[in-house]
Amino acid sequence: MRLAPTLCIALLASAVLQGPGDIIAHEQTDLQIAALDRMIASRPLDAGLHMQRGEMHRMLGRWDAARRDYERSLKLDPGLTAVHLCEGRLWMDEGLPERALVALGRYIAAHPDDPAGRIARGRALALLGRHGQAAGDLERGLALETAAGTLAQPDLYLELTRALIATSDDNRTRALAVLEEGLSRLAHPVALDLEALSIERSLGRTDAALVRLDRLAAASTRAEIWLVRRAGILEQAGRTAEAARSWRDASAAIDRLPASRRSSAAMLSLKSVVDAALLRVPQRSPAGEP
């Protein structure tokens, strides 16, 4: 029985990814490759085994070995179209997205409703600066994953958002809607909220940006970081009295930190930003400003 292409590759990935954050365990993968070597020795005409070993080589950055296995698998079974997805990813790994497009186009022709191919091609197109086409593929891939009941990774929403905005500034509202969909589906990943916050600011939606920021701050123990962000938003909007208060609050929050944290390089850098802002921003409200 032959597994569906994407399922086969997903199973391969789970076999070689180990530990927190899905860090590739090279030693275990080498053992997997050794096991495949033995299987191939006994079944040299099994195209699927060559493809599997090629994927493991690719994940370890052994690109020449991966390519040899892919080529062998296609010679043994030209109908094993899952190899084209593997080839496309290999060309992407090597920094050659224009070559990836050829392989991925072949895969999509055989599997037009598989989100993996659309997403991979969208990423290749984005690297080539063809953002409109990239957005189309990424959007299609996201729709296919959603229809299949799969939760997309936050990165996919970010990539689609950036492709839309790179195509035209007029797409910022549409990009914000994409992020809101991701936030709803994925239980509010911080990365998506931060991206949405940036877009709100670029659209001049200061109050909406502040509401979003307050939600992020409420879930964090690092008050000083969010106070700095709040002050920056208010200053950008010309609300200098409110900005000054936030800069002062940020300075006070930093002063309340334990000495060991205050002396860290990151915190010293943040403190210098706050101190510069306190010198820059008027500390008294201009006439007529609340």
C-alpha atoms as a PDB file:
ATOM      1  CA  MET A   1       0.000   0.000   0.000  1.00  0.00           C
ATOM      2  CA  ARG A   2       1.339   3.436  -0.970  1.00  0.00           C
ATOM      3  CA  LEU A   3       0.784   6.286   1.474  1.00  0.00           C
ATOM      4  CA  ALA A   4      -0.603   9.597   0.247  1.00  0.00           C
ATOM      5  CA  PRO A   5       2.374  11.833  -0.608  1.00  0.00           C
ATOM      6  CA  THR A   6       1.915  14.463   2.077  1.00  0.00           C
ATOM      7  CA  LEU A   7       1.131  11.871   4.751  1.00  0.00           C
ATOM      8  CA  CYS A   8       4.235   9.922   3.811  1.00  0.00           C
ATOM      9  CA  ILE A   9       6.417  13.000   4.125  1.00  0.00           C
ATOM     10  CA  ALA A  10       4.747  14.035   7.389  1.00  0.00           C
ATOM     11  CA  LEU A  11       5.515  10.627   8.854  1.00  0.00           C
ATOM     12  CA  LEU A  12       9.108  10.974   7.744  1.00  0.00           C
ATOM     13  CA  ALA A  13       9.407  14.361   9.383  1.00  0.00           C
ATOM     14  CA  SER A  14       8.028  13.063  12.663  1.00  0.00           C
ATOM     15  CA  ALA A  15      10.556  10.240  12.564  1.00  0.00           C
ATOM     16  CA  VAL A  16      13.543  12.552  12.396  1.00  0.00           C
ATOM     17  CA  LEU A  17      12.418  15.447  14.558  1.00  0.00           C
ATOM     18  CA  GLN A  18      13.084  15.055  18.232  1.00  0.00           C
ATOM     19  CA  GLY A  19      13.142  17.088  21.427  1.00  0.00           C
ATOM     20  CA  PRO A  20      11.840  20.533  22.385  1.00  0.00           C
ATOM     21  CA  GLY A  21      11.185  22.809  19.438  1.00  0.00           C
ATOM     22  CA  ASP A  22      11.458  19.914  16.933  1.00  0.00           C
ATOM     23  CA  ILE A  23      15.253  20.045  16.849  1.00  0.00           C
ATOM     24  CA  ILE A  24      16.645  17.552  14.356  1.00  0.00           C
ATOM     25  CA  ALA A  25      18.409  14.763  16.226  1.00  0.00           C
ATOM     26  CA  HIS A  26      21.292  14.027  13.863  1.00  0.00           C
ATOM     27  CA  GLU A  27      22.419  10.901  15.640  1.00  0.00           C
ATOM     28  CA  GLN A  28      19.002   9.292  15.551  1.00  0.00           C
ATOM     29  CA  THR A  29      18.504  10.317  11.933  1.00  0.00           C
ATOM     30  CA  ASP A  30      21.789   8.673  11.003  1.00  0.00           C
ATOM     31  CA  LEU A  31      20.479   5.491  12.621  1.00  0.00           C
ATOM     32  CA  GLN A  32      17.297   5.815  10.553  1.00  0.00           C
ATOM     33  CA  ILE A  33      19.380   6.255   7.403  1.00  0.00           C
ATOM     34  CA  ALA A  34      21.450   3.203   8.304  1.00  0.00           C
ATOM     35  CA  ALA A  35      18.233   1.223   8.715  1.00  0.00           C
ATOM     36  CA  LEU A  36      17.053   2.414   5.302  1.00  0.00           C
ATOM     37  CA  ASP A  37      20.412   1.454   3.816  1.00  0.00           C
ATOM     38  CA  ARG A  38      19.806  -2.105   4.964  1.00  0.00           C
ATOM     39  CA  MET A  39      16.238  -2.108   3.642  1.00  0.00           C
ATOM     40  CA  ILE A  40      17.358  -0.744   0.274  1.00  0.00           C
ATOM     41  CA  ALA A  41      20.081  -3.389   0.081  1.00  0.00           C
ATOM     42  CA  SER A  42      17.389  -6.052   0.336  1.00  0.00           C
ATOM     43  CA  ARG A  43      14.800  -4.170  -1.782  1.00  0.00           C
ATOM     44  CA  PRO A  44      16.836  -2.058  -4.236  1.00  0.00           C
ATOM     45  CA  LEU A  45      13.890  -1.464  -6.579  1.00  0.00           C
ATOM     46  CA  ASP A  46      11.647   0.106  -3.931  1.00  0.00           C
ATOM     47  CA  ALA A  47      11.339   3.730  -5.080  1.00  0.00           C
ATOM     48  CA  GLY A  48       9.628   4.806  -1.864  1.00  0.00           C
ATOM     49  CA  LEU A  49      12.592   3.758   0.249  1.00  0.00           C
ATOM     50  CA  HIS A  50      14.950   5.860  -1.861  1.00  0.00           C
ATOM     51  CA  MET A  51      12.634   8.844  -1.501  1.00  0.00           C
ATOM     52  CA  GLN A  52      12.471   8.382   2.271  1.00  0.00           C
ATOM     53  CA  ARG A  53      16.227   8.219   2.586  1.00  0.00           C
ATOM     54  CA  GLY A  54      16.530  11.290   0.365  1.00  0.00           C
ATOM     55  CA  GLU A  55      14.260  13.239   2.685  1.00  0.00           C
ATOM     56  CA  MET A  56      16.372  12.333   5.672  1.00  0.00           C
ATOM     57  CA  HIS A  57      19.522  13.389   3.861  1.00  0.00           C
ATOM     58  CA  ARG A  58      17.830  16.689   2.939  1.00  0.00           C
ATOM     59  CA  MET A  59      16.836  17.387   6.514  1.00  0.00           C
ATOM     60  CA  LEU A  60      20.463  16.933   7.524  1.00  0.00           C
ATOM     61  CA  GLY A  61      21.696  19.252   4.777  1.00  0.00           C
ATOM     62  CA  ARG A  62      23.267  16.442   2.745  1.00  0.00           C
ATOM     63  CA  TRP A  63      21.930  17.811  -0.494  1.00  0.00           C
ATOM     64  CA  ASP A  64      23.949  15.803  -3.013  1.00  0.00           C
ATOM     65  CA  ALA A  65      22.993  12.552  -1.309  1.00  0.00           C
ATOM     66  CA  ALA A  66      19.354  13.647  -1.197  1.00  0.00           C
ATOM     67  CA  ARG A  67      19.363  14.503  -4.895  1.00  0.00           C
ATOM     68  CA  ARG A  68      20.845  11.142  -5.828  1.00  0.00           C
ATOM     69  CA  ASP A  69      18.115   9.353  -3.895  1.00  0.00           C
ATOM     70  CA  TYR A  70      15.346  11.460  -5.460  1.00  0.00           C
ATOM     71  CA  GLU A  71      16.678  10.829  -8.949  1.00  0.00           C
ATOM     72  CA  ARG A  72      16.912   7.106  -8.265  1.00  0.00           C
ATOM     73  CA  SER A  73      13.365   6.955  -6.904  1.00  0.00           C
ATOM     74  CA  LEU A  74      11.965   8.650 -10.025  1.00  0.00           C
ATOM     75  CA  LYS A  75      13.883   6.320 -12.319  1.00  0.00           C
ATOM     76  CA  LEU A  76      12.406   3.368 -10.484  1.00  0.00           C
ATOM     77  CA  ASP A  77       8.891   4.814 -10.386  1.00  0.00           C
ATOM     78  CA  PRO A  78       8.140   7.911 -12.530  1.00  0.00           C
ATOM     79  CA  GLY A  79       4.652   7.937 -11.030  1.00  0.00           C
ATOM     80  CA  LEU A  80       5.942   8.639  -7.520  1.00  0.00           C
ATOM     81  CA  THR A  81       5.075  12.319  -7.795  1.00  0.00           C
ATOM     82  CA  ALA A  82       5.682  12.995  -4.097  1.00  0.00           C
ATOM     83  CA  VAL A  83       9.361  13.184  -5.049  1.00  0.00           C
ATOM     84  CA  HIS A  84       8.719  16.493  -6.841  1.00  0.00           C
ATOM     85  CA  LEU A  85       7.655  18.095  -3.556  1.00  0.00           C
ATOM     86  CA  CYS A  86      10.849  16.790  -1.961  1.00  0.00           C
ATOM     87  CA  GLU A  87      12.894  18.165  -4.861  1.00  0.00           C
ATOM     88  CA  GLY A  88      11.227  21.547  -4.579  1.00  0.00           C
ATOM     89  CA  ARG A  89      12.057  21.765  -0.905  1.00  0.00           C
ATOM     90  CA  LEU A  90      15.618  20.710  -1.633  1.00  0.00           C
ATOM     91  CA  TRP A  91      16.075  23.548  -4.136  1.00  0.00           C
ATOM     92  CA  MET A  92      14.628  25.939  -1.566  1.00  0.00           C
ATOM     93  CA  ASP A  93      17.089  24.669   1.040  1.00  0.00           C
ATOM     94  CA  GLU A  94      19.887  25.361  -1.430  1.00  0.00           C
ATOM     95  CA  GLY A  95      18.671  28.916  -2.004  1.00  0.00           C
ATOM     96  CA  LEU A  96      17.496  28.301  -5.571  1.00  0.00           C
ATOM     97  CA  PRO A  97      13.772  29.124  -5.539  1.00  0.00           C
ATOM     98  CA  GLU A  98      13.552  29.490  -9.331  1.00  0.00           C
ATOM     99  CA  ARG A  99      14.516  25.810  -9.687  1.00  0.00           C
ATOM    100  CA  ALA A 100      12.112  24.904  -6.902  1.00  0.00           C
ATOM    101  CA  LEU A 101       9.245  26.316  -8.955  1.00  0.00           C
ATOM    102  CA  VAL A 102       9.755  23.722 -11.693  1.00  0.00           C
ATOM    103  CA  ALA A 103       9.606  20.763  -9.315  1.00  0.00           C
ATOM    104  CA  LEU A 104       6.749  22.224  -7.305  1.00  0.00           C
ATOM    105  CA  GLY A 105       4.784  22.950 -10.470  1.00  0.00           C
ATOM    106  CA  ARG A 106       5.017  19.262 -11.365  1.00  0.00           C
ATOM    107  CA  TYR A 107       3.848  18.280  -7.904  1.00  0.00           C
ATOM    108  CA  ILE A 108       0.897  20.668  -7.947  1.00  0.00           C
ATOM    109  CA  ALA A 109      -0.140  19.449 -11.390  1.00  0.00           C
ATOM    110  CA  ALA A 110      -0.443  15.960  -9.931  1.00  0.00           C
ATOM    111  CA  HIS A 111      -1.871  17.068  -6.567  1.00  0.00           C
ATOM    112  CA  PRO A 112      -3.720  20.390  -7.048  1.00  0.00           C
ATOM    113  CA  ASP A 113      -5.581  20.095  -3.754  1.00  0.00           C
ATOM    114  CA  ASP A 114      -2.613  19.291  -1.522  1.00  0.00           C
ATOM    115  CA  PRO A 115      -1.807  22.389   0.574  1.00  0.00           C
ATOM    116  CA  ALA A 116       1.848  21.380   0.985  1.00  0.00           C
ATOM    117  CA  GLY A 117       2.641  22.051  -2.661  1.00  0.00           C
ATOM    118  CA  ARG A 118       0.818  25.383  -2.744  1.00  0.00           C
ATOM    119  CA  ILE A 119       2.508  26.602   0.428  1.00  0.00           C
ATOM    120  CA  ALA A 120       5.972  25.550  -0.725  1.00  0.00           C
ATOM    121  CA  ARG A 121       5.489  27.254  -4.103  1.00  0.00           C
ATOM    122  CA  GLY A 122       4.128  30.377  -2.425  1.00  0.00           C
ATOM    123  CA  ARG A 123       7.304  30.611  -0.364  1.00  0.00           C
ATOM    124  CA  ALA A 124       9.472  30.174  -3.452  1.00  0.00           C
ATOM    125  CA  LEU A 125       7.550  32.894  -5.278  1.00  0.00           C
ATOM    126  CA  ALA A 126       7.912  35.248  -2.312  1.00  0.00           C
ATOM    127  CA  LEU A 127      11.684  34.745  -2.333  1.00  0.00           C
ATOM    128  CA  LEU A 128      11.686  35.687  -6.014  1.00  0.00           C
ATOM    129  CA  GLY A 129       9.732  38.881  -5.299  1.00  0.00           C
ATOM    130  CA  ARG A 130       6.630  37.661  -7.113  1.00  0.00           C
ATOM    131  CA  HIS A 131       4.445  38.636  -4.174  1.00  0.00           C
ATOM    132  CA  GLY A 132       1.053  38.669  -5.881  1.00  0.00           C
ATOM    133  CA  GLN A 133       1.473  35.099  -7.086  1.00  0.00           C
ATOM    134  CA  ALA A 134       2.944  34.116  -3.725  1.00  0.00           C
ATOM    135  CA  ALA A 135      -0.117  35.484  -1.930  1.00  0.00           C
ATOM    136  CA  GLY A 136      -2.372  33.506  -4.258  1.00  0.00           C
ATOM    137  CA  ASP A 137      -0.617  30.221  -3.535  1.00  0.00           C
ATOM    138  CA  LEU A 138      -0.309  30.849   0.206  1.00  0.00           C
ATOM    139  CA  GLU A 139      -3.967  31.820   0.421  1.00  0.00           C
ATOM    140  CA  ARG A 140      -4.971  28.692  -1.488  1.00  0.00           C
ATOM    141  CA  GLY A 141      -2.772  26.534   0.736  1.00  0.00           C
ATOM    142  CA  LEU A 142      -4.291  28.059   3.863  1.00  0.00           C
ATOM    143  CA  ALA A 143      -7.810  27.496   2.534  1.00  0.00           C
ATOM    144  CA  LEU A 144      -7.036  23.857   1.734  1.00  0.00           C
ATOM    145  CA  GLU A 145      -5.599  23.257   5.216  1.00  0.00           C
ATOM    146  CA  THR A 146      -8.627  24.885   6.822  1.00  0.00           C
ATOM    147  CA  ALA A 147     -11.035  22.841   4.703  1.00  0.00           C
ATOM    148  CA  ALA A 148      -9.223  19.685   5.786  1.00  0.00           C
ATOM    149  CA  GLY A 149      -9.598  20.646   9.445  1.00  0.00           C
ATOM    150  CA  THR A 150      -5.868  21.246   9.857  1.00  0.00           C
ATOM    151  CA  LEU A 151      -4.618  24.079  12.044  1.00  0.00           C
ATOM    152  CA  ALA A 152      -2.105  26.061  10.013  1.00  0.00           C
ATOM    153  CA  GLN A 153       1.141  27.190  11.612  1.00  0.00           C
ATOM    154  CA  PRO A 154       1.337  30.886  12.630  1.00  0.00           C
ATOM    155  CA  ASP A 155       4.152  31.359  10.099  1.00  0.00           C
ATOM    156  CA  LEU A 156       1.735  30.702   7.242  1.00  0.00           C
ATOM    157  CA  TYR A 157      -0.531  33.553   8.350  1.00  0.00           C
ATOM    158  CA  LEU A 158       2.510  35.835   8.690  1.00  0.00           C
ATOM    159  CA  GLU A 159       3.847  34.899   5.268  1.00  0.00           C
ATOM    160  CA  LEU A 160       0.479  35.469   3.612  1.00  0.00           C
ATOM    161  CA  THR A 161       0.098  38.807   5.392  1.00  0.00           C
ATOM    162  CA  ARG A 162       3.519  40.003   4.253  1.00  0.00           C
ATOM    163  CA  ALA A 163       2.973  38.821   0.684  1.00  0.00           C
ATOM    164  CA  LEU A 164      -0.309  40.747   0.518  1.00  0.00           C
ATOM    165  CA  ILE A 165       1.275  43.948   1.838  1.00  0.00           C
ATOM    166  CA  ALA A 166       4.315  43.570  -0.420  1.00  0.00           C
ATOM    167  CA  THR A 167       1.916  43.381  -3.357  1.00  0.00           C
ATOM    168  CA  SER A 168       0.189  46.652  -2.410  1.00  0.00           C
ATOM    169  CA  ASP A 169      -0.208  48.895   0.634  1.00  0.00           C
ATOM    170  CA  ASP A 170      -3.902  48.855  -0.188  1.00  0.00           C
ATOM    171  CA  ASN A 171      -3.955  45.254   1.027  1.00  0.00           C
ATOM    172  CA  ARG A 172      -3.205  46.176   4.633  1.00  0.00           C
ATOM    173  CA  THR A 173      -6.833  45.919   5.737  1.00  0.00           C
ATOM    174  CA  ARG A 174      -7.137  42.568   3.994  1.00  0.00           C
ATOM    175  CA  ALA A 175      -3.878  41.434   5.627  1.00  0.00           C
ATOM    176  CA  LEU A 176      -5.241  42.454   9.013  1.00  0.00           C
ATOM    177  CA  ALA A 177      -8.291  40.255   8.383  1.00  0.00           C
ATOM    178  CA  VAL A 178      -5.978  37.308   7.644  1.00  0.00           C
ATOM    179  CA  LEU A 179      -4.222  37.860  10.967  1.00  0.00           C
ATOM    180  CA  GLU A 180      -7.517  38.119  12.831  1.00  0.00           C
ATOM    181  CA  GLU A 181      -8.563  34.785  11.350  1.00  0.00           C
ATOM    182  CA  GLY A 182      -5.300  33.234  12.529  1.00  0.00           C
ATOM    183  CA  LEU A 183      -5.638  34.779  15.972  1.00  0.00           C
ATOM    184  CA  SER A 184      -9.116  33.329  16.301  1.00  0.00           C
ATOM    185  CA  ARG A 185      -8.195  29.857  15.057  1.00  0.00           C
ATOM    186  CA  LEU A 186      -4.884  29.513  16.905  1.00  0.00           C
ATOM    187  CA  ALA A 187      -5.755  30.959  20.330  1.00  0.00           C
ATOM    188  CA  HIS A 188      -3.941  34.265  19.877  1.00  0.00           C
ATOM    189  CA  PRO A 189      -0.269  33.555  19.101  1.00  0.00           C
ATOM    190  CA  VAL A 190       1.783  36.580  20.190  1.00  0.00           C
ATOM    191  CA  ALA A 191       3.574  36.754  16.838  1.00  0.00           C
ATOM    192  CA  LEU A 192       0.295  37.351  14.995  1.00  0.00           C
ATOM    193  CA  ASP A 193      -0.865  39.980  17.478  1.00  0.00           C
ATOM    194  CA  LEU A 194       2.445  41.840  17.124  1.00  0.00           C
ATOM    195  CA  GLU A 195       2.133  41.796  13.342  1.00  0.00           C
ATOM    196  CA  ALA A 196      -1.443  43.057  13.592  1.00  0.00           C
ATOM    197  CA  LEU A 197      -0.292  45.754  16.003  1.00  0.00           C
ATOM    198  CA  SER A 198       2.261  46.934  13.439  1.00  0.00           C
ATOM    199  CA  ILE A 199      -0.405  47.110  10.735  1.00  0.00           C
ATOM    200  CA  GLU A 200      -2.810  48.995  13.014  1.00  0.00           C
ATOM    201  CA  ARG A 201      -0.063  51.578  13.564  1.00  0.00           C
ATOM    202  CA  SER A 202       0.659  51.865   9.850  1.00  0.00           C
ATOM    203  CA  LEU A 203      -3.041  52.498   9.235  1.00  0.00           C
ATOM    204  CA  GLY A 204      -3.113  55.220  11.909  1.00  0.00           C
ATOM    205  CA  ARG A 205      -5.507  53.233  14.092  1.00  0.00           C
ATOM    206  CA  THR A 206      -3.925  54.313  17.351  1.00  0.00           C
ATOM    207  CA  ASP A 207      -6.754  53.385  19.692  1.00  0.00           C
ATOM    208  CA  ALA A 208      -7.141  49.934  18.116  1.00  0.00           C
ATOM    209  CA  ALA A 209      -3.389  49.411  18.423  1.00  0.00           C
ATOM    210  CA  LEU A 210      -3.501  50.385  22.099  1.00  0.00           C
ATOM    211  CA  VAL A 211      -6.351  47.953  22.800  1.00  0.00           C
ATOM    212  CA  ARG A 212      -4.348  45.184  21.177  1.00  0.00           C
ATOM    213  CA  LEU A 213      -1.236  46.159  23.110  1.00  0.00           C
ATOM    214  CA  ASP A 214      -3.116  46.194  26.416  1.00  0.00           C
ATOM    215  CA  ARG A 215      -4.302  42.642  25.752  1.00  0.00           C
ATOM    216  CA  LEU A 216      -0.727  41.529  25.112  1.00  0.00           C
ATOM    217  CA  ALA A 217       0.538  43.336  28.198  1.00  0.00           C
ATOM    218  CA  ALA A 218      -2.117  41.747  30.412  1.00  0.00           C
ATOM    219  CA  ALA A 219      -0.763  38.307  29.546  1.00  0.00           C
ATOM    220  CA  SER A 220       2.853  39.277  30.207  1.00  0.00           C
ATOM    221  CA  THR A 221       4.986  39.804  33.307  1.00  0.00           C
ATOM    222  CA  ARG A 222       7.307  42.225  31.504  1.00  0.00           C
ATOM    223  CA  ALA A 223       5.514  45.531  32.078  1.00  0.00           C
ATOM    224  CA  GLU A 224       8.500  47.660  31.034  1.00  0.00           C
ATOM    225  CA  ILE A 225       8.566  46.260  27.484  1.00  0.00           C
ATOM    226  CA  TRP A 226       4.892  46.952  26.830  1.00  0.00           C
ATOM    227  CA  LEU A 227       5.079  50.414  28.409  1.00  0.00           C
ATOM    228  CA  VAL A 228       7.878  51.274  25.988  1.00  0.00           C
ATOM    229  CA  ARG A 229       5.774  50.041  23.077  1.00  0.00           C
ATOM    230  CA  ARG A 230       2.767  52.031  24.331  1.00  0.00           C
ATOM    231  CA  ALA A 231       4.865  55.176  24.648  1.00  0.00           C
ATOM    232  CA  GLY A 232       6.150  54.744  21.107  1.00  0.00           C
ATOM    233  CA  ILE A 233       2.638  54.368  19.701  1.00  0.00           C
ATOM    234  CA  LEU A 234       1.395  57.441  21.533  1.00  0.00           C
ATOM    235  CA  GLU A 235       4.392  59.528  20.521  1.00  0.00           C
ATOM    236  CA  GLN A 236       3.983  58.497  16.880  1.00  0.00           C
ATOM    237  CA  ALA A 237       0.352  59.603  17.077  1.00  0.00           C
ATOM    238  CA  GLY A 238       1.354  63.004  18.476  1.00  0.00           C
ATOM    239  CA  ARG A 239      -0.236  62.341  21.850  1.00  0.00           C
ATOM    240  CA  THR A 240       2.811  63.670  23.665  1.00  0.00           C
ATOM    241  CA  ALA A 241       1.393  64.064  27.180  1.00  0.00           C
ATOM    242  CA  GLU A 242       0.207  60.443  27.235  1.00  0.00           C
ATOM    243  CA  ALA A 243       3.496  59.348  25.688  1.00  0.00           C
ATOM    244  CA  ALA A 244       5.473  61.168  28.371  1.00  0.00           C
ATOM    245  CA  ARG A 245       3.486  59.418  31.087  1.00  0.00           C
ATOM    246  CA  SER A 246       4.161  56.031  29.500  1.00  0.00           C
ATOM    247  CA  TRP A 247       7.878  56.785  29.163  1.00  0.00           C
ATOM    248  CA  ARG A 248       7.971  57.726  32.859  1.00  0.00           C
ATOM    249  CA  ASP A 249       6.041  54.579  33.787  1.00  0.00           C
ATOM    250  CA  ALA A 250       8.487  52.502  31.729  1.00  0.00           C
ATOM    251  CA  SER A 251      11.430  54.094  33.521  1.00  0.00           C
ATOM    252  CA  ALA A 252       9.857  53.374  36.903  1.00  0.00           C
ATOM    253  CA  ALA A 253       9.119  49.764  35.896  1.00  0.00           C
ATOM    254  CA  ILE A 254      12.753  49.246  34.950  1.00  0.00           C
ATOM    255  CA  ASP A 255      13.906  50.756  38.250  1.00  0.00           C
ATOM    256  CA  ARG A 256      11.739  48.251  40.128  1.00  0.00           C
ATOM    257  CA  LEU A 257      13.444  45.260  38.511  1.00  0.00           C
ATOM    258  CA  PRO A 258      15.974  43.221  40.511  1.00  0.00           C
ATOM    259  CA  ALA A 259      19.507  44.533  40.161  1.00  0.00           C
ATOM    260  CA  SER A 260      20.611  41.433  38.244  1.00  0.00           C
ATOM    261  CA  ARG A 261      17.964  42.017  35.565  1.00  0.00           C
ATOM    262  CA  ARG A 262      18.512  45.788  35.414  1.00  0.00           C
ATOM    263  CA  SER A 263      22.194  45.211  34.674  1.00  0.00           C
ATOM    264  CA  SER A 264      21.608  42.878  31.721  1.00  0.00           C
ATOM    265  CA  ALA A 265      22.708  44.141  28.320  1.00  0.00           C
ATOM    266  CA  ALA A 266      19.163  44.051  26.958  1.00  0.00           C
ATOM    267  CA  MET A 267      17.757  46.045  29.878  1.00  0.00           C
ATOM    268  CA  LEU A 268      20.579  48.603  29.803  1.00  0.00           C
ATOM    269  CA  SER A 269      19.827  49.125  26.117  1.00  0.00           C
ATOM    270  CA  LEU A 270      16.109  49.533  26.820  1.00  0.00           C
ATOM    271  CA  LYS A 271      16.853  51.982  29.631  1.00  0.00           C
ATOM    272  CA  SER A 272      18.945  54.106  27.271  1.00  0.00           C
ATOM    273  CA  VAL A 273      15.988  54.273  24.869  1.00  0.00           C
ATOM    274  CA  VAL A 274      13.690  55.361  27.691  1.00  0.00           C
ATOM    275  CA  ASP A 275      16.151  57.958  29.012  1.00  0.00           C
ATOM    276  CA  ALA A 276      16.560  59.440  25.527  1.00  0.00           C
ATOM    277  CA  ALA A 277      12.788  59.634  25.131  1.00  0.00           C
ATOM    278  CA  LEU A 278      12.379  61.408  28.468  1.00  0.00           C
ATOM    279  CA  LEU A 279      14.792  64.065  27.240  1.00  0.00           C
ATOM    280  CA  ARG A 280      13.042  64.300  23.879  1.00  0.00           C
ATOM    281  CA  VAL A 281       9.364  64.322  24.832  1.00  0.00           C
ATOM    282  CA  PRO A 282       7.935  67.385  26.614  1.00  0.00           C
ATOM    283  CA  GLN A 283       7.077  66.459  30.182  1.00  0.00           C
ATOM    284  CA  ARG A 284       4.315  69.054  30.503  1.00  0.00           C
ATOM    285  CA  SER A 285       1.137  68.989  28.487  1.00  0.00           C
ATOM    286  CA  PRO A 286       0.955  71.587  25.699  1.00  0.00           C
ATOM    287  CA  ALA A 287      -1.925  74.062  26.036  1.00  0.00           C
ATOM    288  CA  GLY A 288      -5.203  72.452  25.310  1.00  0.00           C
ATOM    289  CA  GLU A 289      -3.890  68.859  25.434  1.00  0.00           C
ATOM    290  CA  PRO A 290      -5.462  66.679  28.125  1.00  0.00           C
END
